[in-house]
Protein backbone atom coordinates (compact mmCIF):
# COMPACT_ATOMS: atom_id res chain seq x y z
CA MET A 1 0.00 0.00 0.00
CA PRO A 2 -0.37 2.36 -1.74
CA TYR A 3 -1.49 0.68 -4.94
CA GLN A 4 -3.30 3.27 -7.04
CA ALA A 5 -3.20 6.15 -9.50
CA PHE A 6 -1.90 9.57 -8.49
CA ALA A 7 -2.05 12.94 -10.24
CA THR A 8 1.33 14.53 -10.98
CA SER A 9 1.99 18.11 -12.03
CA ASP A 10 1.62 17.12 -15.69
CA GLY A 11 -0.28 13.83 -15.83
CA HIS A 12 -0.94 10.67 -13.87
CA VAL A 13 0.99 7.62 -12.68
CA VAL A 14 0.12 4.28 -11.13
CA ILE A 15 2.20 3.27 -8.13
CA ALA A 16 2.15 -0.26 -6.72
CA VAL A 17 3.95 -0.54 -3.39
CA GLY A 18 3.88 -4.19 -2.43
CA ASN A 19 5.79 -4.40 0.84
CA ASP A 20 7.40 -2.42 3.64
CA ALA A 21 10.84 -2.29 2.01
CA GLN A 22 9.30 -0.85 -1.17
CA PHE A 23 7.40 1.67 0.93
CA ALA A 24 10.63 2.85 2.57
CA ARG A 25 12.24 3.29 -0.87
CA PHE A 26 9.09 4.99 -2.17
CA ALA A 27 9.03 7.46 0.73
CA ALA A 28 12.75 8.18 0.21
CA ALA A 29 12.21 8.78 -3.52
CA LEU A 30 9.55 11.35 -2.64
CA GLY A 31 11.86 13.07 -0.16
CA LEU A 32 9.65 11.91 2.70
CA PRO A 33 11.78 9.19 4.35
CA GLU A 34 10.22 9.89 7.74
CA LEU A 35 6.97 8.28 6.56
CA SER A 36 8.53 4.82 6.61
CA THR A 37 9.35 5.10 10.32
CA ASP A 38 6.15 6.89 11.37
CA PRO A 39 4.11 4.46 13.53
CA LEU A 40 1.01 5.38 11.53
CA PHE A 41 2.57 4.11 8.28
CA LYS A 42 5.45 1.79 9.23
CA GLY A 43 3.79 -1.53 8.33
CA ASN A 44 1.35 -2.36 5.56
CA ALA A 45 -1.46 -2.95 8.08
CA ASP A 46 -0.71 0.49 9.55
CA ARG A 47 -0.88 2.08 6.09
CA VAL A 48 -4.17 0.35 5.33
CA ARG A 49 -5.62 1.44 8.67
CA ASN A 50 -4.48 5.04 8.12
CA ARG A 51 -4.99 5.07 4.38
CA ALA A 52 -6.89 8.36 4.13
CA ALA A 53 -4.18 10.30 5.98
CA LEU A 54 -1.38 8.62 4.01
CA ILE A 55 -2.99 9.18 0.62
CA ALA A 56 -3.56 12.84 1.47
CA ILE A 57 0.16 13.30 2.28
CA LEU A 58 1.32 11.37 -0.78
CA SER A 59 -1.13 13.08 -3.14
CA GLU A 60 -0.06 16.53 -1.99
CA LYS A 61 3.60 15.71 -2.64
CA ILE A 62 3.15 13.77 -5.89
CA ARG A 63 0.99 16.46 -7.52
CA THR A 64 4.02 18.81 -7.35
CA LEU A 65 6.27 16.46 -9.33
CA PRO A 66 6.51 16.04 -13.11
CA LYS A 67 5.42 12.58 -14.22
CA LEU A 68 8.65 11.50 -15.93
CA GLU A 69 10.85 12.85 -13.14
CA LEU A 70 8.84 10.89 -10.57
CA LEU A 71 8.91 7.71 -12.65
CA ARG A 72 12.71 7.96 -13.04
CA ALA A 73 13.13 8.40 -9.27
CA LEU A 74 10.87 5.40 -8.56
CA GLU A 75 12.68 3.25 -11.12
CA ILE A 76 16.01 4.04 -9.46
CA GLN A 77 14.50 3.02 -6.10
CA ARG A 78 12.97 -0.15 -7.65
CA VAL A 79 9.41 0.89 -6.79
CA PRO A 80 6.84 -0.49 -9.25
CA ALA A 81 5.20 2.39 -11.12
CA GLY A 82 4.13 3.35 -14.59
CA PRO A 83 2.64 6.22 -16.53
CA ILE A 84 -1.00 6.65 -17.39
CA ASN A 85 -0.54 7.92 -20.89
CA GLU A 86 -2.70 10.29 -22.85
CA MET A 87 -3.29 9.26 -26.45
CA HIS A 88 -0.51 11.44 -27.86
CA GLU A 89 1.91 9.76 -25.42
CA VAL A 90 0.84 6.19 -26.16
CA PHE A 91 2.26 6.10 -29.67
CA VAL A 92 5.68 7.50 -28.69
CA ASP A 93 6.14 5.39 -25.56
CA PRO A 94 9.56 3.70 -25.79
CA GLN A 95 8.12 0.31 -24.77
CA ILE A 96 5.39 0.48 -27.42
CA GLU A 97 7.94 1.48 -30.07
CA ALA A 98 10.50 -1.14 -28.99
CA ARG A 99 7.92 -3.93 -29.26
CA GLY A 100 6.75 -2.72 -32.67
CA LEU A 101 3.15 -2.40 -31.54
CA VAL A 102 2.16 0.70 -33.51
CA ILE A 103 0.39 0.02 -36.79
CA GLU A 104 -0.32 2.91 -39.13
CA GLN A 105 -3.27 2.32 -41.47
CA ASP A 106 -3.87 4.39 -44.57
CA LEU A 107 -7.59 5.09 -45.03
CA GLY A 108 -7.20 6.38 -48.56
CA SER A 109 -8.62 9.72 -49.52
CA MET A 110 -11.26 9.63 -46.77
CA SER A 111 -8.91 10.47 -43.92
CA PRO A 112 -5.29 10.91 -42.94
CA PRO A 113 -3.59 7.69 -41.78
CA VAL A 114 -4.57 6.45 -38.32
CA LYS A 115 -2.40 4.71 -35.76
CA ILE A 116 -3.54 1.77 -33.66
CA ILE A 117 -1.88 -0.52 -31.18
CA GLY A 118 -1.52 -3.74 -33.15
CA ILE A 119 -1.40 -6.61 -30.67
CA LEU A 120 -4.71 -7.87 -29.35
CA SER A 121 -4.02 -10.94 -27.25
CA ASP A 122 -3.67 -13.87 -29.66
CA TRP A 123 -5.03 -11.85 -32.59
CA TYR A 124 -3.12 -10.13 -35.32
CA ILE A 125 -4.42 -7.66 -37.85
CA ASP A 126 -3.92 -7.94 -41.60
CA ILE A 127 -3.36 -4.32 -42.62
CA SER A 128 -2.97 -5.07 -46.30
CA ARG A 129 -6.61 -4.07 -46.82
CA GLU A 130 -8.22 -0.85 -45.67
CA PHE A 131 -10.44 -0.72 -42.62
CA PRO A 132 -14.19 -0.31 -43.16
CA LEU A 133 -15.50 3.22 -43.01
CA LEU A 134 -18.56 4.40 -41.09
CA GLN A 135 -21.88 3.09 -42.36
CA ARG A 136 -20.29 -0.19 -43.51
CA PRO A 137 -20.85 -3.48 -41.67
CA TYR A 138 -18.09 -4.72 -39.41
CA THR A 139 -17.69 -8.02 -41.25
CA GLY A 140 -14.89 -6.58 -43.37
CA ALA A 141 -12.84 -5.60 -40.35
CA TRP A 142 -13.38 -8.91 -38.59
CA ALA A 143 -12.65 -10.76 -41.82
CA ASN A 144 -9.22 -9.09 -41.78
CA MET A 145 -8.59 -10.25 -38.22
CA HIS A 146 -7.39 -13.75 -37.54
CA GLY A 147 -8.77 -15.45 -34.48
CA ASP A 148 -12.27 -16.26 -33.25
CA ARG A 149 -14.52 -15.31 -36.18
CA SER A 150 -17.67 -16.07 -34.18
CA ARG A 151 -17.24 -12.60 -32.67
CA CYS A 152 -17.96 -11.09 -36.10
CA ARG A 153 -21.61 -12.14 -35.88
CA TYR A 154 -21.87 -10.80 -32.32
CA VAL A 155 -20.52 -7.36 -33.32
CA ASN A 156 -22.94 -7.05 -36.23
CA GLU A 157 -25.95 -8.21 -34.24
CA SER A 158 -25.20 -6.10 -31.18
CA GLY A 159 -24.19 -2.98 -33.11
């Protein structure tokens, strides 16, 4: 504890403190090392019991920090955390780029190209054909996807 999203000065992060040692490193990364020795917050049960007070302290501090600066500090301290990205950040995230997950699809003259994240569990998308446009049935899109085709009927019937 804590295990939740926090607002930063320029976005949001998710922080997942799983044990007392991580909490001590987390508090140190925030410049609040005294929290890890405070009887109200020393153990996980203490933090759960005094959650409202702890979250208020942490939220006040975290909202003053830039997202990337905080994430770097937590990574150095080995505290599990990650960004909550806005759409413009998703497609330039180093992990997304490194895994080759961004697919750019040309929609022809109807629209500029669109970007999508291209891995959907055990599905893959054949982008050699264009996506269906509005007012067309979904069967074309599902026909281009390889996996459970029974979902195609469900999408068309349920709208």
